[in-house]
Amino acid sequence: MVTRPLRQSVGAHYGWKDWLAQRITAVVMALYTLFLLAVALYNGGFDYAPWIRLFDGTTFRVATLLFGLSLLWHAWIGMRDIWMDYIKPTALRLVLEVVTLIVLFAYAAWLAQVLWERT
């Protein structure tokens, strides 16, 4: 009798969370972009005064922060997948992933500073 080894499940849903995060962040970015387009069409474009009025409210700043964080998370998943797929030496891949994370965290801090800094 031939016996087959039991299959070990290593996660049937591997990558599901990343796939879902990519879709959710893409939807958030698309909605924000459509909103900006609608505001620009309603105002006949953007110049300095309407732009400043938009950012006077906390709601638009929070929406912009949500857009920025979605963009950074989307970028992290994409870059991490690129590093995992194409960089085979583990040490180099780890260095690239850490550098990517540092850069993305710096961008997030910069975004928060730009949105809430008063000059």
N, C-alpha and C. Protein backbone atom coordinates (compact mmCIF):
# COMPACT_ATOMS: atom_id res chain seq x y z
N MET A 1 0.83 -1.15 0.00
CA MET A 1 0.00 0.00 0.00
C MET A 1 0.89 1.24 0.00
N VAL A 2 0.55 2.17 -0.87
CA VAL A 2 1.29 3.42 -0.96
C VAL A 2 0.62 4.45 -0.08
N THR A 3 1.39 5.01 0.81
CA THR A 3 0.82 6.05 1.66
C THR A 3 1.38 7.41 1.25
N ARG A 4 0.52 8.34 1.27
CA ARG A 4 0.93 9.70 0.94
C ARG A 4 1.11 10.49 2.22
N PRO A 5 2.11 11.34 2.24
CA PRO A 5 2.27 12.15 3.46
C PRO A 5 1.12 13.14 3.58
N LEU A 6 0.79 13.44 4.80
CA LEU A 6 -0.26 14.41 5.04
C LEU A 6 0.20 15.80 4.58
N ARG A 7 -0.68 16.47 3.93
CA ARG A 7 -0.34 17.83 3.50
C ARG A 7 -0.42 18.76 4.71
N GLN A 8 0.59 19.57 4.81
CA GLN A 8 0.57 20.55 5.87
C GLN A 8 0.08 21.86 5.29
N SER A 9 -0.89 22.39 5.94
CA SER A 9 -1.44 23.67 5.48
C SER A 9 -0.57 24.80 6.02
N VAL A 10 -0.05 25.58 5.11
CA VAL A 10 0.78 26.71 5.52
C VAL A 10 0.00 28.01 5.40
N GLY A 11 -1.28 27.90 5.25
CA GLY A 11 -2.11 29.09 5.15
C GLY A 11 -2.75 29.18 3.79
N ALA A 12 -3.96 28.73 3.71
CA ALA A 12 -4.65 28.75 2.43
C ALA A 12 -4.94 30.17 1.98
N HIS A 13 -4.91 31.08 2.90
CA HIS A 13 -5.23 32.47 2.57
C HIS A 13 -4.00 33.35 2.58
N TYR A 14 -2.85 32.78 2.25
CA TYR A 14 -1.62 33.56 2.21
C TYR A 14 -1.76 34.68 1.19
N GLY A 15 -1.52 35.87 1.61
CA GLY A 15 -1.59 37.01 0.71
C GLY A 15 -2.96 37.67 0.66
N TRP A 16 -3.97 37.06 1.25
CA TRP A 16 -5.32 37.60 1.21
C TRP A 16 -5.39 38.97 1.86
N LYS A 17 -4.75 39.13 3.03
CA LYS A 17 -4.79 40.42 3.73
C LYS A 17 -4.09 41.50 2.93
N ASP A 18 -2.98 41.17 2.30
CA ASP A 18 -2.28 42.15 1.48
C ASP A 18 -3.10 42.53 0.25
N TRP A 19 -3.73 41.55 -0.37
CA TRP A 19 -4.58 41.82 -1.53
C TRP A 19 -5.73 42.76 -1.13
N LEU A 20 -6.36 42.45 0.00
CA LEU A 20 -7.47 43.26 0.47
C LEU A 20 -7.01 44.67 0.84
N ALA A 21 -5.86 44.78 1.50
CA ALA A 21 -5.33 46.10 1.86
C ALA A 21 -5.03 46.92 0.63
N GLN A 22 -4.49 46.31 -0.41
CA GLN A 22 -4.22 47.02 -1.65
C GLN A 22 -5.52 47.57 -2.24
N ARG A 23 -6.58 46.77 -2.21
CA ARG A 23 -7.86 47.20 -2.79
C ARG A 23 -8.48 48.32 -1.95
N ILE A 24 -8.45 48.18 -0.63
CA ILE A 24 -9.04 49.20 0.24
C ILE A 24 -8.29 50.52 0.11
N THR A 25 -6.96 50.46 0.14
CA THR A 25 -6.20 51.71 0.01
C THR A 25 -6.41 52.34 -1.37
N ALA A 26 -6.55 51.52 -2.40
CA ALA A 26 -6.81 52.06 -3.74
C ALA A 26 -8.17 52.76 -3.79
N VAL A 27 -9.17 52.19 -3.13
CA VAL A 27 -10.49 52.81 -3.10
C VAL A 27 -10.44 54.13 -2.34
N VAL A 28 -9.75 54.16 -1.20
CA VAL A 28 -9.62 55.40 -0.44
C VAL A 28 -8.95 56.48 -1.29
N MET A 29 -7.88 56.13 -1.98
CA MET A 29 -7.18 57.10 -2.81
C MET A 29 -8.05 57.56 -3.98
N ALA A 30 -8.81 56.64 -4.58
CA ALA A 30 -9.68 57.00 -5.70
C ALA A 30 -10.80 57.95 -5.24
N LEU A 31 -11.40 57.66 -4.08
CA LEU A 31 -12.46 58.53 -3.57
C LEU A 31 -11.94 59.93 -3.27
N TYR A 32 -10.78 60.01 -2.65
CA TYR A 32 -10.18 61.31 -2.35
C TYR A 32 -9.89 62.07 -3.65
N THR A 33 -9.37 61.38 -4.63
CA THR A 33 -9.06 62.02 -5.92
C THR A 33 -10.33 62.51 -6.60
N LEU A 34 -11.39 61.70 -6.58
CA LEU A 34 -12.66 62.12 -7.17
C LEU A 34 -13.23 63.33 -6.43
N PHE A 35 -13.09 63.35 -5.11
CA PHE A 35 -13.55 64.50 -4.33
C PHE A 35 -12.78 65.76 -4.72
N LEU A 36 -11.46 65.65 -4.83
CA LEU A 36 -10.66 66.81 -5.24
C LEU A 36 -11.05 67.29 -6.63
N LEU A 37 -11.28 66.35 -7.53
CA LEU A 37 -11.70 66.70 -8.88
C LEU A 37 -13.05 67.42 -8.87
N ALA A 38 -13.98 66.93 -8.06
CA ALA A 38 -15.30 67.57 -7.95
C ALA A 38 -15.17 68.98 -7.39
N VAL A 39 -14.34 69.16 -6.38
CA VAL A 39 -14.14 70.50 -5.81
C VAL A 39 -13.51 71.42 -6.84
N ALA A 40 -12.55 70.93 -7.58
CA ALA A 40 -11.90 71.75 -8.61
C ALA A 40 -12.89 72.12 -9.71
N LEU A 41 -13.72 71.19 -10.13
CA LEU A 41 -14.71 71.49 -11.16
C LEU A 41 -15.76 72.48 -10.65
N TYR A 42 -16.17 72.32 -9.40
CA TYR A 42 -17.16 73.23 -8.81
C TYR A 42 -16.61 74.65 -8.70
N ASN A 43 -15.36 74.78 -8.32
CA ASN A 43 -14.75 76.10 -8.14
C ASN A 43 -14.13 76.65 -9.42
N GLY A 44 -14.18 75.90 -10.49
CA GLY A 44 -13.56 76.36 -11.73
C GLY A 44 -12.05 76.28 -11.69
N GLY A 45 -11.53 75.36 -10.91
CA GLY A 45 -10.08 75.18 -10.78
C GLY A 45 -9.64 75.49 -9.36
N PHE A 46 -8.34 75.42 -9.16
CA PHE A 46 -7.78 75.72 -7.84
C PHE A 46 -6.82 76.88 -7.97
N ASP A 47 -6.97 77.81 -7.09
CA ASP A 47 -5.92 78.79 -6.90
C ASP A 47 -5.66 78.85 -5.39
N TYR A 48 -4.90 79.80 -4.96
CA TYR A 48 -4.43 79.82 -3.57
C TYR A 48 -5.57 79.92 -2.56
N ALA A 49 -6.51 80.82 -2.78
CA ALA A 49 -7.56 81.08 -1.79
C ALA A 49 -8.45 79.86 -1.53
N PRO A 50 -9.01 79.21 -2.55
CA PRO A 50 -9.84 78.02 -2.26
C PRO A 50 -9.03 76.87 -1.64
N TRP A 51 -7.79 76.77 -2.03
CA TRP A 51 -6.93 75.71 -1.48
C TRP A 51 -6.73 75.93 0.02
N ILE A 52 -6.48 77.17 0.41
CA ILE A 52 -6.29 77.50 1.82
C ILE A 52 -7.60 77.27 2.58
N ARG A 53 -8.74 77.65 2.01
CA ARG A 53 -10.03 77.42 2.67
C ARG A 53 -10.29 75.94 2.89
N LEU A 54 -9.91 75.11 1.92
CA LEU A 54 -10.09 73.66 2.09
C LEU A 54 -9.33 73.15 3.30
N PHE A 55 -8.11 73.62 3.45
CA PHE A 55 -7.26 73.11 4.53
C PHE A 55 -7.48 73.81 5.86
N ASP A 56 -8.37 74.81 5.90
CA ASP A 56 -8.70 75.44 7.17
C ASP A 56 -9.49 74.50 8.07
N GLY A 57 -10.28 73.62 7.46
CA GLY A 57 -11.09 72.69 8.24
C GLY A 57 -10.33 71.44 8.61
N THR A 58 -10.62 70.95 9.78
CA THR A 58 -9.97 69.72 10.26
C THR A 58 -10.39 68.51 9.42
N THR A 59 -11.62 68.51 8.96
CA THR A 59 -12.13 67.36 8.20
C THR A 59 -11.30 67.09 6.96
N PHE A 60 -10.98 68.14 6.22
CA PHE A 60 -10.19 67.94 5.00
C PHE A 60 -8.76 67.55 5.33
N ARG A 61 -8.24 68.06 6.42
CA ARG A 61 -6.88 67.65 6.83
C ARG A 61 -6.85 66.17 7.18
N VAL A 62 -7.86 65.71 7.91
CA VAL A 62 -7.94 64.29 8.27
C VAL A 62 -8.11 63.44 7.01
N ALA A 63 -8.94 63.89 6.07
CA ALA A 63 -9.12 63.15 4.82
C ALA A 63 -7.81 63.08 4.05
N THR A 64 -7.07 64.18 4.05
CA THR A 64 -5.78 64.20 3.37
C THR A 64 -4.77 63.29 4.07
N LEU A 65 -4.80 63.28 5.40
CA LEU A 65 -3.93 62.37 6.15
C LEU A 65 -4.29 60.92 5.84
N LEU A 66 -5.59 60.62 5.79
CA LEU A 66 -6.03 59.26 5.45
C LEU A 66 -5.57 58.87 4.05
N PHE A 67 -5.69 59.81 3.10
CA PHE A 67 -5.20 59.56 1.75
C PHE A 67 -3.70 59.27 1.77
N GLY A 68 -2.94 60.12 2.47
CA GLY A 68 -1.48 59.94 2.51
C GLY A 68 -1.08 58.63 3.15
N LEU A 69 -1.72 58.27 4.26
CA LEU A 69 -1.39 57.00 4.92
C LEU A 69 -1.79 55.82 4.05
N SER A 70 -2.90 55.94 3.34
CA SER A 70 -3.30 54.88 2.41
C SER A 70 -2.27 54.72 1.30
N LEU A 71 -1.81 55.85 0.79
CA LEU A 71 -0.78 55.83 -0.25
C LEU A 71 0.50 55.15 0.25
N LEU A 72 0.91 55.50 1.47
CA LEU A 72 2.14 54.93 2.02
C LEU A 72 1.99 53.44 2.30
N TRP A 73 0.84 53.02 2.80
CA TRP A 73 0.60 51.60 3.05
C TRP A 73 0.56 50.84 1.73
N HIS A 74 -0.11 51.41 0.74
CA HIS A 74 -0.17 50.81 -0.59
C HIS A 74 1.25 50.65 -1.16
N ALA A 75 2.05 51.69 -0.99
CA ALA A 75 3.43 51.65 -1.48
C ALA A 75 4.24 50.60 -0.73
N TRP A 76 4.05 50.49 0.58
CA TRP A 76 4.80 49.50 1.36
C TRP A 76 4.50 48.09 0.86
N ILE A 77 3.24 47.76 0.68
CA ILE A 77 2.89 46.42 0.24
C ILE A 77 3.51 46.14 -1.14
N GLY A 78 3.40 47.11 -2.03
CA GLY A 78 3.96 46.93 -3.36
C GLY A 78 5.47 46.77 -3.36
N MET A 79 6.16 47.64 -2.62
CA MET A 79 7.62 47.57 -2.58
C MET A 79 8.09 46.29 -1.88
N ARG A 80 7.41 45.93 -0.79
CA ARG A 80 7.80 44.69 -0.10
C ARG A 80 7.66 43.49 -1.02
N ASP A 81 6.58 43.45 -1.79
CA ASP A 81 6.40 42.34 -2.73
C ASP A 81 7.46 42.34 -3.82
N ILE A 82 7.83 43.53 -4.29
CA ILE A 82 8.91 43.60 -5.29
C ILE A 82 10.22 43.10 -4.69
N TRP A 83 10.54 43.55 -3.48
CA TRP A 83 11.79 43.08 -2.84
C TRP A 83 11.75 41.57 -2.66
N MET A 84 10.61 41.03 -2.20
CA MET A 84 10.53 39.58 -1.96
C MET A 84 10.62 38.79 -3.27
N ASP A 85 10.07 39.32 -4.34
CA ASP A 85 10.05 38.58 -5.61
C ASP A 85 11.39 38.63 -6.35
N TYR A 86 12.08 39.75 -6.27
CA TYR A 86 13.24 39.94 -7.15
C TYR A 86 14.59 40.01 -6.46
N ILE A 87 14.63 40.20 -5.15
CA ILE A 87 15.91 40.27 -4.43
C ILE A 87 16.05 38.98 -3.63
N LYS A 88 16.90 38.09 -4.09
CA LYS A 88 17.02 36.77 -3.47
C LYS A 88 17.94 36.73 -2.24
N PRO A 89 19.06 37.47 -2.22
CA PRO A 89 19.88 37.43 -1.01
C PRO A 89 19.12 38.03 0.19
N THR A 90 18.96 37.24 1.22
CA THR A 90 18.13 37.63 2.34
C THR A 90 18.61 38.91 3.02
N ALA A 91 19.90 39.05 3.21
CA ALA A 91 20.44 40.23 3.90
C ALA A 91 20.16 41.49 3.10
N LEU A 92 20.37 41.45 1.80
CA LEU A 92 20.11 42.61 0.96
C LEU A 92 18.62 42.95 0.95
N ARG A 93 17.79 41.93 0.88
CA ARG A 93 16.35 42.16 0.89
C ARG A 93 15.92 42.80 2.20
N LEU A 94 16.47 42.34 3.33
CA LEU A 94 16.15 42.91 4.63
C LEU A 94 16.57 44.38 4.70
N VAL A 95 17.76 44.67 4.21
CA VAL A 95 18.24 46.06 4.21
C VAL A 95 17.31 46.94 3.38
N LEU A 96 16.93 46.48 2.21
CA LEU A 96 16.04 47.25 1.35
C LEU A 96 14.67 47.45 1.99
N GLU A 97 14.16 46.43 2.66
CA GLU A 97 12.88 46.57 3.33
C GLU A 97 12.96 47.56 4.49
N VAL A 98 14.03 47.51 5.25
CA VAL A 98 14.19 48.45 6.37
C VAL A 98 14.33 49.87 5.86
N VAL A 99 15.12 50.07 4.81
CA VAL A 99 15.28 51.40 4.23
C VAL A 99 13.93 51.91 3.71
N THR A 100 13.18 51.04 3.06
CA THR A 100 11.86 51.42 2.57
C THR A 100 10.95 51.85 3.71
N LEU A 101 10.95 51.08 4.81
CA LEU A 101 10.13 51.43 5.97
C LEU A 101 10.54 52.77 6.57
N ILE A 102 11.83 53.00 6.69
CA ILE A 102 12.31 54.26 7.24
C ILE A 102 11.87 55.43 6.39
N VAL A 103 12.01 55.29 5.09
CA VAL A 103 11.59 56.36 4.16
C VAL A 103 10.09 56.60 4.27
N LEU A 104 9.30 55.54 4.30
CA LEU A 104 7.85 55.69 4.38
C LEU A 104 7.41 56.31 5.70
N PHE A 105 8.05 55.94 6.81
CA PHE A 105 7.74 56.57 8.09
C PHE A 105 8.13 58.04 8.09
N ALA A 106 9.24 58.36 7.46
CA ALA A 106 9.66 59.77 7.36
C ALA A 106 8.63 60.56 6.55
N TYR A 107 8.13 59.97 5.46
CA TYR A 107 7.09 60.62 4.66
C TYR A 107 5.82 60.84 5.48
N ALA A 108 5.45 59.86 6.30
CA ALA A 108 4.25 59.99 7.14
C ALA A 108 4.42 61.12 8.15
N ALA A 109 5.59 61.19 8.77
CA ALA A 109 5.84 62.27 9.72
C ALA A 109 5.83 63.63 9.03
N TRP A 110 6.42 63.69 7.87
CA TRP A 110 6.45 64.93 7.10
C TRP A 110 5.03 65.36 6.71
N LEU A 111 4.21 64.41 6.29
CA LEU A 111 2.83 64.70 5.94
C LEU A 111 2.07 65.28 7.13
N ALA A 112 2.22 64.66 8.29
CA ALA A 112 1.55 65.17 9.49
C ALA A 112 2.04 66.58 9.83
N GLN A 113 3.32 66.80 9.69
CA GLN A 113 3.88 68.13 9.98
C GLN A 113 3.31 69.17 9.02
N VAL A 114 3.25 68.85 7.74
CA VAL A 114 2.73 69.79 6.74
C VAL A 114 1.26 70.09 7.00
N LEU A 115 0.49 69.07 7.36
CA LEU A 115 -0.95 69.27 7.56
C LEU A 115 -1.30 70.06 8.81
N TRP A 116 -0.50 69.94 9.86
CA TRP A 116 -0.87 70.59 11.11
C TRP A 116 0.08 71.69 11.57
N GLU A 117 1.05 72.00 10.77
CA GLU A 117 1.96 73.09 11.14
C GLU A 117 1.31 74.41 10.75
N ARG A 118 1.32 75.34 11.65
CA ARG A 118 0.82 76.69 11.38
C ARG A 118 1.99 77.62 11.21
N THR A 119 1.95 78.39 10.11
CA THR A 119 3.04 79.35 9.87
C THR A 119 2.57 80.75 10.12
